[in-house]
């Protein structure tokens, strides 16, 4: 039995949105906040949603 739920792109952080047919993703440190989740101006990073991690394509052909 699969536990995968459909994902609404509107519920994702900008850096997590995956293009259909793209290579599999892996987590990486957000380059905008250096993995802190907070920007230099003390606001939450909008690139990673404050998690400090983003999805990156892994592997390749």
PDB file of N, CA and C in Angstrom:
ATOM      1  N   UNK A   1       0.840  -1.174   0.000  1.00  0.00           N
ATOM      2  CA  UNK A   1       0.000   0.000   0.000  1.00  0.00           C
ATOM      3  C   UNK A   1       0.889   1.242   0.000  1.00  0.00           C
ATOM      4  N   UNK A   2       0.643   2.149  -0.884  1.00  0.00           N
ATOM      5  CA  UNK A   2       1.430   3.371  -0.994  1.00  0.00           C
ATOM      6  C   UNK A   2       0.893   4.437  -0.062  1.00  0.00           C
ATOM      7  N   UNK A   3       1.819   5.164   0.568  1.00  0.00           N
ATOM      8  CA  UNK A   3       1.417   6.259   1.448  1.00  0.00           C
ATOM      9  C   UNK A   3       1.653   7.611   0.789  1.00  0.00           C
ATOM     10  N   UNK A   4       2.020   7.594  -0.493  1.00  0.00           N
ATOM     11  CA  UNK A   4       2.287   8.843  -1.200  1.00  0.00           C
ATOM     12  C   UNK A   4       0.992   9.603  -1.436  1.00  0.00           C
ATOM     13  N   UNK A   5       1.005  10.875  -1.090  1.00  0.00           N
ATOM     14  CA  UNK A   5      -0.135  11.743  -1.296  1.00  0.00           C
ATOM     15  C   UNK A   5       0.186  12.698  -2.439  1.00  0.00           C
ATOM     16  N   UNK A   6      -0.802  13.081  -3.234  1.00  0.00           N
ATOM     17  CA  UNK A   6      -0.544  14.090  -4.259  1.00  0.00           C
ATOM     18  C   UNK A   6      -0.056  15.372  -3.589  1.00  0.00           C
ATOM     19  N   UNK A   7       0.886  16.031  -4.212  1.00  0.00           N
ATOM     20  CA  UNK A   7       1.448  17.251  -3.639  1.00  0.00           C
ATOM     21  C   UNK A   7       0.947  18.448  -4.424  1.00  0.00           C
ATOM     22  N   UNK A   8       0.416  19.412  -3.694  1.00  0.00           N
ATOM     23  CA  UNK A   8      -0.036  20.660  -4.296  1.00  0.00           C
ATOM     24  C   UNK A   8       1.159  21.598  -4.374  1.00  0.00           C
ATOM     25  N   UNK A   9       1.602  21.997  -5.583  1.00  0.00           N
ATOM     26  CA  UNK A   9       2.756  22.886  -5.704  1.00  0.00           C
ATOM     27  C   UNK A   9       2.591  24.188  -4.918  1.00  0.00           C
ATOM     28  N   UNK A  10       1.363  24.591  -4.644  1.00  0.00           N
ATOM     29  CA  UNK A  10       1.130  25.815  -3.874  1.00  0.00           C
ATOM     30  C   UNK A  10       1.533  25.650  -2.411  1.00  0.00           C
ATOM     31  N   UNK A  11       1.670  24.413  -1.936  1.00  0.00           N
ATOM     32  CA  UNK A  11       2.069  24.143  -0.558  1.00  0.00           C
ATOM     33  C   UNK A  11       3.571  23.948  -0.424  1.00  0.00           C
ATOM     34  N   UNK A  12       4.313  24.114  -1.509  1.00  0.00           N
ATOM     35  CA  UNK A  12       5.744  23.862  -1.496  1.00  0.00           C
ATOM     36  C   UNK A  12       6.527  25.164  -1.469  1.00  0.00           C
ATOM     37  N   UNK A  13       7.761  25.105  -0.995  1.00  0.00           N
ATOM     38  CA  UNK A  13       8.669  26.245  -1.050  1.00  0.00           C
ATOM     39  C   UNK A  13       9.185  26.363  -2.475  1.00  0.00           C
ATOM     40  N   UNK A  14       9.542  27.576  -2.930  1.00  0.00           N
ATOM     41  CA  UNK A  14       9.985  27.743  -4.319  1.00  0.00           C
ATOM     42  C   UNK A  14      11.099  26.800  -4.739  1.00  0.00           C
ATOM     43  N   UNK A  15      12.029  26.510  -3.859  1.00  0.00           N
ATOM     44  CA  UNK A  15      13.159  25.662  -4.225  1.00  0.00           C
ATOM     45  C   UNK A  15      12.796  24.180  -4.235  1.00  0.00           C
ATOM     46  N   UNK A  16      11.609  23.820  -3.757  1.00  0.00           N
ATOM     47  CA  UNK A  16      11.221  22.418  -3.704  1.00  0.00           C
ATOM     48  C   UNK A  16      10.393  21.971  -4.897  1.00  0.00           C
ATOM     49  N   UNK A  17       9.937  22.906  -5.701  1.00  0.00           N
ATOM     50  CA  UNK A  17       9.074  22.553  -6.817  1.00  0.00           C
ATOM     51  C   UNK A  17       9.895  21.831  -7.876  1.00  0.00           C
ATOM     52  N   UNK A  18       9.439  20.641  -8.214  1.00  0.00           N
ATOM     53  CA  UNK A  18      10.156  19.770  -9.140  1.00  0.00           C
ATOM     54  C   UNK A  18       9.443  19.757 -10.486  1.00  0.00           C
ATOM     55  N   UNK A  19      10.199  19.793 -11.525  1.00  0.00           N
ATOM     56  CA  UNK A  19       9.635  19.705 -12.865  1.00  0.00           C
ATOM     57  C   UNK A  19       9.370  18.237 -13.165  1.00  0.00           C
ATOM     58  N   UNK A  20       8.174  17.923 -13.650  1.00  0.00           N
ATOM     59  CA  UNK A  20       7.830  16.542 -13.982  1.00  0.00           C
ATOM     60  C   UNK A  20       8.810  16.024 -15.024  1.00  0.00           C
ATOM     61  N   UNK A  21       9.359  14.829 -14.772  1.00  0.00           N
ATOM     62  CA  UNK A  21      10.305  14.224 -15.688  1.00  0.00           C
ATOM     63  C   UNK A  21      11.745  14.588 -15.396  1.00  0.00           C
ATOM     64  N   UNK A  22      11.950  15.422 -14.365  1.00  0.00           N
ATOM     65  CA  UNK A  22      13.315  15.802 -14.009  1.00  0.00           C
ATOM     66  C   UNK A  22      13.966  14.688 -13.194  1.00  0.00           C
ATOM     67  N   UNK A  23      15.282  14.727 -13.023  1.00  0.00           N
ATOM     68  CA  UNK A  23      15.959  13.701 -12.235  1.00  0.00           C
ATOM     69  C   UNK A  23      15.478  13.700 -10.784  1.00  0.00           C
ATOM     70  N   UNK A  24      15.707  12.607 -10.040  1.00  0.00           N
ATOM     71  CA  UNK A  24      15.305  12.549  -8.636  1.00  0.00           C
ATOM     72  C   UNK A  24      15.963  13.651  -7.822  1.00  0.00           C
ATOM     73  N   UNK A  25      15.315  13.992  -6.715  1.00  0.00           N
ATOM     74  CA  UNK A  25      15.804  15.076  -5.877  1.00  0.00           C
ATOM     75  C   UNK A  25      16.549  14.566  -4.653  1.00  0.00           C
ATOM     76  N   UNK A  26      17.398  15.419  -4.125  1.00  0.00           N
ATOM     77  CA  UNK A  26      18.084  15.183  -2.869  1.00  0.00           C
ATOM     78  C   UNK A  26      18.144  16.504  -2.125  1.00  0.00           C
ATOM     79  N   UNK A  27      18.169  16.459  -0.822  1.00  0.00           N
ATOM     80  CA  UNK A  27      18.191  17.682  -0.024  1.00  0.00           C
ATOM     81  C   UNK A  27      19.598  18.275  -0.003  1.00  0.00           C
ATOM     82  N   UNK A  28      19.659  19.581   0.018  1.00  0.00           N
ATOM     83  CA  UNK A  28      20.922  20.291   0.070  1.00  0.00           C
ATOM     84  C   UNK A  28      20.718  21.561   0.891  1.00  0.00           C
ATOM     85  N   UNK A  29      21.808  22.196   1.291  1.00  0.00           N
ATOM     86  CA  UNK A  29      21.730  23.432   2.056  1.00  0.00           C
ATOM     87  C   UNK A  29      21.267  24.558   1.146  1.00  0.00           C
ATOM     88  N   UNK A  30      20.351  25.368   1.641  1.00  0.00           N
ATOM     89  CA  UNK A  30      19.827  26.485   0.867  1.00  0.00           C
ATOM     90  C   UNK A  30      20.918  27.523   0.650  1.00  0.00           C
ATOM     91  N   UNK A  31      21.159  27.917  -0.616  1.00  0.00           N
ATOM     92  CA  UNK A  31      22.202  28.895  -0.899  1.00  0.00           C
ATOM     93  C   UNK A  31      21.808  30.321  -0.513  1.00  0.00           C
ATOM     94  N   UNK A  32      20.530  30.576  -0.344  1.00  0.00           N
ATOM     95  CA  UNK A  32      20.079  31.928  -0.010  1.00  0.00           C
ATOM     96  C   UNK A  32      20.344  32.276   1.454  1.00  0.00           C
ATOM     97  N   UNK A  33      20.193  31.297   2.355  1.00  0.00           N
ATOM     98  CA  UNK A  33      20.351  31.563   3.792  1.00  0.00           C
ATOM     99  C   UNK A  33      21.502  30.761   4.402  1.00  0.00           C
ATOM    100  N   UNK A  34      22.256  30.055   3.576  1.00  0.00           N
ATOM    101  CA  UNK A  34      23.377  29.219   4.034  1.00  0.00           C
ATOM    102  C   UNK A  34      22.943  28.158   5.041  1.00  0.00           C
ATOM    103  N   UNK A  35      21.724  27.663   4.885  1.00  0.00           N
ATOM    104  CA  UNK A  35      21.238  26.590   5.738  1.00  0.00           C
ATOM    105  C   UNK A  35      20.693  27.022   7.081  1.00  0.00           C
ATOM    106  N   UNK A  36      20.600  28.337   7.318  1.00  0.00           N
ATOM    107  CA  UNK A  36      20.093  28.832   8.598  1.00  0.00           C
ATOM    108  C   UNK A  36      18.580  28.973   8.639  1.00  0.00           C
ATOM    109  N   UNK A  37      17.954  29.155   7.494  1.00  0.00           N
ATOM    110  CA  UNK A  37      16.516  29.381   7.445  1.00  0.00           C
ATOM    111  C   UNK A  37      16.147  30.836   7.676  1.00  0.00           C
ATOM    112  N   UNK A  38      17.135  31.657   8.033  1.00  0.00           N
ATOM    113  CA  UNK A  38      16.916  33.078   8.304  1.00  0.00           C
ATOM    114  C   UNK A  38      17.874  33.884   7.431  1.00  0.00           C
ATOM    115  N   UNK A  39      17.352  34.921   6.805  1.00  0.00           N
ATOM    116  CA  UNK A  39      18.166  35.787   5.954  1.00  0.00           C
ATOM    117  C   UNK A  39      18.919  36.818   6.797  1.00  0.00           C
ATOM    118  N   UNK A  40      19.849  37.527   6.175  1.00  0.00           N
ATOM    119  CA  UNK A  40      20.654  38.532   6.885  1.00  0.00           C
ATOM    120  C   UNK A  40      19.805  39.632   7.503  1.00  0.00           C
ATOM    121  N   UNK A  41      18.648  39.909   6.907  1.00  0.00           N
ATOM    122  CA  UNK A  41      17.777  40.953   7.456  1.00  0.00           C
ATOM    123  C   UNK A  41      16.857  40.417   8.561  1.00  0.00           C
ATOM    124  N   UNK A  42      17.162  39.209   9.058  1.00  0.00           N
ATOM    125  CA  UNK A  42      16.449  38.560  10.168  1.00  0.00           C
ATOM    126  C   UNK A  42      15.037  38.099   9.819  1.00  0.00           C
ATOM    127  N   UNK A  43      14.739  37.961   8.521  1.00  0.00           N
ATOM    128  CA  UNK A  43      13.447  37.436   8.096  1.00  0.00           C
ATOM    129  C   UNK A  43      13.605  35.980   7.664  1.00  0.00           C
ATOM    130  N   UNK A  44      12.487  35.259   7.659  1.00  0.00           N
ATOM    131  CA  UNK A  44      12.515  33.862   7.240  1.00  0.00           C
ATOM    132  C   UNK A  44      12.858  33.779   5.762  1.00  0.00           C
ATOM    133  N   UNK A  45      13.711  32.836   5.416  1.00  0.00           N
ATOM    134  CA  UNK A  45      14.106  32.629   4.021  1.00  0.00           C
ATOM    135  C   UNK A  45      12.904  32.117   3.229  1.00  0.00           C
ATOM    136  N   UNK A  46      12.569  32.827   2.158  1.00  0.00           N
ATOM    137  CA  UNK A  46      11.439  32.409   1.326  1.00  0.00           C
ATOM    138  C   UNK A  46      11.839  31.329   0.323  1.00  0.00           C
ATOM    139  N   UNK A  47      13.141  31.147   0.103  1.00  0.00           N
ATOM    140  CA  UNK A  47      13.606  30.121  -0.830  1.00  0.00           C
ATOM    141  C   UNK A  47      13.396  28.718  -0.258  1.00  0.00           C
ATOM    142  N   UNK A  48      13.647  28.551   1.035  1.00  0.00           N
ATOM    143  CA  UNK A  48      13.521  27.234   1.663  1.00  0.00           C
ATOM    144  C   UNK A  48      12.374  27.165   2.663  1.00  0.00           C
ATOM    145  N   UNK A  49      11.671  28.270   2.859  1.00  0.00           N
ATOM    146  CA  UNK A  49      10.561  28.291   3.811  1.00  0.00           C
ATOM    147  C   UNK A  49      11.023  28.229   5.253  1.00  0.00           C
ATOM    148  N   UNK A  50      12.283  28.599   5.505  1.00  0.00           N
ATOM    149  CA  UNK A  50      12.812  28.609   6.863  1.00  0.00           C
ATOM    150  C   UNK A  50      13.392  27.285   7.329  1.00  0.00           C
ATOM    151  N   UNK A  51      13.455  26.298   6.440  1.00  0.00           N
ATOM    152  CA  UNK A  51      13.978  24.989   6.828  1.00  0.00           C
ATOM    153  C   UNK A  51      15.487  24.908   6.706  1.00  0.00           C
ATOM    154  N   UNK A  52      16.073  25.758   5.857  1.00  0.00           N
ATOM    155  CA  UNK A  52      17.515  25.701   5.614  1.00  0.00           C
ATOM    156  C   UNK A  52      17.923  24.641   4.609  1.00  0.00           C
ATOM    157  N   UNK A  53      16.958  23.859   4.138  1.00  0.00           N
ATOM    158  CA  UNK A  53      17.229  22.773   3.179  1.00  0.00           C
ATOM    159  C   UNK A  53      16.375  22.966   1.949  1.00  0.00           C
ATOM    160  N   UNK A  54      16.922  22.605   0.803  1.00  0.00           N
ATOM    161  CA  UNK A  54      16.164  22.666  -0.451  1.00  0.00           C
ATOM    162  C   UNK A  54      16.353  21.356  -1.217  1.00  0.00           C
ATOM    163  N   UNK A  55      15.489  21.124  -2.155  1.00  0.00           N
ATOM    164  CA  UNK A  55      15.591  19.933  -3.000  1.00  0.00           C
ATOM    165  C   UNK A  55      16.521  20.238  -4.161  1.00  0.00           C
ATOM    166  N   UNK A  56      17.445  19.337  -4.436  1.00  0.00           N
ATOM    167  CA  UNK A  56      18.378  19.472  -5.553  1.00  0.00           C
ATOM    168  C   UNK A  56      18.314  18.200  -6.383  1.00  0.00           C
ATOM    169  N   UNK A  57      18.434  18.343  -7.678  1.00  0.00           N
ATOM    170  CA  UNK A  57      18.485  17.181  -8.559  1.00  0.00           C
ATOM    171  C   UNK A  57      19.769  16.399  -8.273  1.00  0.00           C
ATOM    172  N   UNK A  58      19.664  15.082  -8.257  1.00  0.00           N
ATOM    173  CA  UNK A  58      20.820  14.227  -8.041  1.00  0.00           C
ATOM    174  C   UNK A  58      20.959  13.262  -9.198  1.00  0.00           C
ATOM    175  N   UNK A  59      22.162  12.751  -9.399  1.00  0.00           N
ATOM    176  CA  UNK A  59      22.385  11.796 -10.474  1.00  0.00           C
ATOM    177  C   UNK A  59      22.501  12.504 -11.814  1.00  0.00           C
ATOM    178  N   UNK A  60      22.271  11.816 -12.836  1.00  0.00           N
ATOM    179  CA  UNK A  60      22.335  12.402 -14.166  1.00  0.00           C
ATOM    180  C   UNK A  60      22.509  11.339 -15.214  1.00  0.00           C
ATOM    181  N   UNK A  61      22.393  11.751 -16.428  1.00  0.00           N
ATOM    182  CA  UNK A  61      22.492  10.780 -17.512  1.00  0.00           C
ATOM    183  C   UNK A  61      23.693  11.081 -18.366  1.00  0.00           C
TER     184      UNK A  61
END
